[in-house]
């Protein structure tokens, strides 16, 4: 089974959805995960307004209730913080480039650093620290993160997301040959994912014999 997961590390619903997807991946050990960065708010340069921070806190409260995950909104009040999701997306693209087997775990670690621990996941030094905590070589990761190659690769991810018609995150699809079938657009628990995957398999799998 090949799953196509389109997400953004600084999308709170993606943070909430990560453990649900992880449960499915644990049950299906041979699953290939195609991790695509969607770009929720890339290249933003403005500090968050009070109204924007209030809106985010409201979303985070909803995600906390649905997922049971911890949030610390203090990150929004860090001096100099700008809600630009391109650097953390580029971080996941870099992780995928250096060691694909660790990329999903790294994304979850980056989300925990941001949402639970109030660390600035848009900051290159923080990203490199989380990469080192996730088993990457810090210096190699930091060098790759700042490279033009990773910036271009991240832009290609954003374009792929748009080409698939994805407008919200998280979005999960399952691939059968060249066709990708939508499993969910938005947060759902793991049992719903399993049910939907089974339904798609029944519809599209060739008959036995």
Protein backbone atom coordinates (compact mmCIF):
# COMPACT_ATOMS: atom_id res chain seq x y z
CA UNK A 1 0.00 0.00 0.00
CA UNK A 2 1.27 3.46 -0.87
CA UNK A 3 -0.20 6.41 1.00
CA UNK A 4 0.19 10.00 -0.17
CA UNK A 5 0.15 12.36 2.80
CA UNK A 6 -0.05 16.09 2.04
CA UNK A 7 0.54 18.19 5.11
CA UNK A 8 2.26 21.17 6.69
CA UNK A 9 4.18 20.88 9.98
CA UNK A 10 2.60 24.11 11.25
CA UNK A 11 -0.94 23.01 10.45
CA UNK A 12 -2.49 22.22 13.83
CA UNK A 13 -4.90 19.66 12.39
CA UNK A 14 -1.90 17.87 10.84
CA UNK A 15 -0.34 17.79 14.30
CA UNK A 16 -3.52 16.24 15.65
CA UNK A 17 -3.78 13.80 12.76
CA UNK A 18 -0.18 12.54 12.96
CA UNK A 19 -0.71 10.00 15.76
CA UNK A 20 -3.82 8.63 14.00
CA UNK A 21 -1.87 8.09 10.79
CA UNK A 22 1.01 6.59 12.79
CA UNK A 23 -1.35 3.94 14.19
CA UNK A 24 -2.33 2.91 10.67
CA UNK A 25 1.30 2.77 9.55
CA UNK A 26 2.17 0.61 12.55
CA UNK A 27 -0.55 -1.88 11.62
CA UNK A 28 0.53 -2.02 7.99
CA UNK A 29 4.29 -2.37 8.23
CA UNK A 30 4.86 -2.65 4.48
CA UNK A 31 3.15 0.66 3.71
CA UNK A 32 5.07 3.24 1.71
CA UNK A 33 4.42 6.82 2.82
CA UNK A 34 4.79 9.52 0.18
CA UNK A 35 5.18 12.64 2.32
CA UNK A 36 4.35 15.87 0.45
CA UNK A 37 4.54 19.36 1.91
CA UNK A 38 1.52 21.49 1.04
CA UNK A 39 2.51 24.94 2.23
CA UNK A 40 -0.16 26.34 4.55
CA UNK A 41 1.22 29.88 4.94
CA UNK A 42 4.56 29.93 3.15
CA UNK A 43 6.67 33.06 2.79
CA UNK A 44 4.62 35.10 5.25
CA UNK A 45 6.70 38.02 6.52
CA UNK A 46 4.33 39.75 8.93
CA UNK A 47 4.28 39.23 12.68
CA UNK A 48 0.98 37.72 13.80
CA UNK A 49 -1.67 40.22 14.88
CA UNK A 50 -3.63 39.78 18.08
CA UNK A 51 -6.68 38.78 16.02
CA UNK A 52 -4.67 36.16 14.13
CA UNK A 53 -3.23 34.74 17.35
CA UNK A 54 -6.71 34.57 18.85
CA UNK A 55 -7.94 32.70 15.76
CA UNK A 56 -5.07 30.22 16.01
CA UNK A 57 -5.65 29.62 19.72
CA UNK A 58 -9.27 28.79 18.92
CA UNK A 59 -8.20 26.26 16.29
CA UNK A 60 -5.69 24.76 18.68
CA UNK A 61 -8.33 24.31 21.36
CA UNK A 62 -10.48 22.41 18.85
CA UNK A 63 -7.58 20.18 17.85
CA UNK A 64 -6.67 19.55 21.49
CA UNK A 65 -10.21 18.38 22.22
CA UNK A 66 -10.35 16.13 19.15
CA UNK A 67 -6.87 14.63 19.49
CA UNK A 68 -6.01 14.82 23.18
CA UNK A 69 -2.64 16.36 22.30
CA UNK A 70 -0.94 19.09 24.31
CA UNK A 71 -0.59 22.70 23.12
CA UNK A 72 1.37 25.63 24.53
CA UNK A 73 0.23 28.84 22.79
CA UNK A 74 3.15 30.76 24.32
CA UNK A 75 5.06 30.19 21.08
CA UNK A 76 2.82 32.77 19.41
CA UNK A 77 4.08 35.46 21.77
CA UNK A 78 7.78 34.78 21.23
CA UNK A 79 9.63 37.96 20.29
CA UNK A 80 10.22 38.12 16.55
CA UNK A 81 8.03 35.11 15.74
CA UNK A 82 6.59 35.12 12.21
CA UNK A 83 4.13 32.41 11.14
CA UNK A 84 5.96 31.40 7.96
CA UNK A 85 5.44 27.71 7.22
CA UNK A 86 8.01 27.47 4.41
CA UNK A 87 11.03 26.79 6.68
CA UNK A 88 9.42 23.85 8.54
CA UNK A 89 8.10 22.47 5.24
CA UNK A 90 11.63 22.78 3.82
CA UNK A 91 12.89 21.02 6.95
CA UNK A 92 10.71 17.98 6.24
CA UNK A 93 11.75 18.01 2.59
CA UNK A 94 15.38 18.08 3.79
CA UNK A 95 14.75 15.20 6.19
CA UNK A 96 13.13 13.24 3.37
CA UNK A 97 16.14 13.93 1.14
CA UNK A 98 18.75 12.92 3.73
CA UNK A 99 16.98 9.88 5.19
CA UNK A 100 13.41 9.15 4.03
CA UNK A 101 12.90 6.53 6.73
CA UNK A 102 13.16 9.19 9.44
CA UNK A 103 11.22 11.97 7.72
CA UNK A 104 7.75 11.28 9.16
CA UNK A 105 9.17 10.88 12.66
CA UNK A 106 11.10 14.11 12.23
CA UNK A 107 7.96 15.96 11.18
CA UNK A 108 6.15 14.73 14.28
CA UNK A 109 9.13 15.79 16.43
CA UNK A 110 9.10 19.25 14.86
CA UNK A 111 5.37 19.54 15.54
CA UNK A 112 5.85 18.54 19.17
CA UNK A 113 8.62 21.09 19.51
CA UNK A 114 6.34 23.82 18.19
CA UNK A 115 2.92 22.98 19.58
CA UNK A 116 3.76 21.24 22.86
CA UNK A 117 7.10 22.80 23.78
CA UNK A 118 6.63 26.33 22.36
CA UNK A 119 9.90 26.22 20.38
CA UNK A 120 10.10 28.36 17.24
CA UNK A 121 9.93 25.75 14.47
CA UNK A 122 10.47 28.43 11.84
CA UNK A 123 13.99 29.12 13.15
CA UNK A 124 16.83 27.31 11.35
CA UNK A 125 18.78 26.69 14.57
CA UNK A 126 15.75 25.15 16.30
CA UNK A 127 15.03 23.02 13.22
CA UNK A 128 18.63 21.75 13.20
CA UNK A 129 18.39 20.95 16.91
CA UNK A 130 15.23 18.91 16.37
CA UNK A 131 16.89 17.15 13.44
CA UNK A 132 19.80 16.18 15.67
CA UNK A 133 17.35 14.96 18.32
CA UNK A 134 15.71 12.86 15.59
CA UNK A 135 18.95 11.12 14.59
CA UNK A 136 20.25 13.36 11.79
CA UNK A 137 23.73 14.85 11.71
CA UNK A 138 23.12 18.43 12.80
CA UNK A 139 25.75 20.10 10.64
CA UNK A 140 24.82 18.17 7.51
CA UNK A 141 21.14 18.86 8.07
CA UNK A 142 21.69 22.58 8.65
CA UNK A 143 23.79 22.86 5.50
CA UNK A 144 21.19 21.07 3.39
CA UNK A 145 18.33 23.04 4.92
CA UNK A 146 19.81 26.33 3.73
CA UNK A 147 20.64 25.12 0.25
CA UNK A 148 19.01 26.30 -2.95
CA UNK A 149 18.37 22.66 -3.86
CA UNK A 150 16.10 22.17 -0.84
CA UNK A 151 14.31 25.47 -1.51
CA UNK A 152 13.59 24.31 -5.05
CA UNK A 153 12.52 20.86 -3.87
CA UNK A 154 10.10 22.46 -1.40
CA UNK A 155 8.63 24.61 -4.16
CA UNK A 156 8.09 21.44 -6.19
CA UNK A 157 6.21 19.92 -3.25
CA UNK A 158 3.95 22.97 -3.10
CA UNK A 159 3.32 22.70 -6.83
CA UNK A 160 2.55 18.99 -6.56
CA UNK A 161 0.04 19.71 -3.83
CA UNK A 162 -1.67 22.30 -6.03
CA UNK A 163 -1.63 19.98 -9.04
CA UNK A 164 -3.48 17.36 -7.01
CA UNK A 165 -6.15 19.93 -6.20
CA UNK A 166 -5.39 19.94 -2.47
CA UNK A 167 -6.61 23.06 -0.70
CA UNK A 168 -6.64 21.92 2.93
CA UNK A 169 -4.50 19.87 5.28
CA UNK A 170 -4.16 17.15 6.29
CA UNK A 171 -5.06 15.34 3.09
CA UNK A 172 -4.42 11.62 2.74
CA UNK A 173 -4.74 9.56 -0.40
CA UNK A 174 -4.01 5.96 -1.32
CA UNK A 175 -2.33 5.20 -4.64
CA UNK A 176 -3.33 2.39 -6.96
CA UNK A 177 -1.05 2.61 -9.95
CA UNK A 178 -1.05 6.20 -11.22
CA UNK A 179 -4.42 6.97 -9.60
CA UNK A 180 -4.64 8.49 -6.12
CA UNK A 181 -7.92 7.97 -4.24
CA UNK A 182 -8.90 10.37 -1.47
CA UNK A 183 -9.00 8.82 1.99
CA UNK A 184 -9.56 12.00 3.98
CA UNK A 185 -9.33 15.74 3.73
CA UNK A 186 -9.23 16.74 7.38
CA UNK A 187 -8.76 15.08 10.74
CA UNK A 188 -10.33 11.66 11.34
CA UNK A 189 -9.38 8.95 13.87
CA UNK A 190 -7.46 5.85 12.86
CA UNK A 191 -10.50 3.55 12.82
CA UNK A 192 -12.16 5.76 10.22
CA UNK A 193 -8.98 5.67 8.15
CA UNK A 194 -8.96 1.89 8.28
CA UNK A 195 -12.60 1.70 7.21
CA UNK A 196 -12.08 4.09 4.30
CA UNK A 197 -8.94 2.31 3.12
CA UNK A 198 -10.80 -1.02 3.16
CA UNK A 199 -13.69 0.52 1.18
CA UNK A 200 -11.34 1.89 -1.46
CA UNK A 201 -9.55 -1.44 -1.70
CA UNK A 202 -12.87 -3.21 -2.30
CA UNK A 203 -13.81 -0.75 -5.03
CA UNK A 204 -10.59 -0.59 -6.99
CA UNK A 205 -8.66 -3.82 -6.37
CA UNK A 206 -8.81 -6.29 -9.30
CA UNK A 207 -10.85 -9.44 -8.65
CA UNK A 208 -8.88 -12.46 -7.46
CA UNK A 209 -8.22 -15.27 -9.90
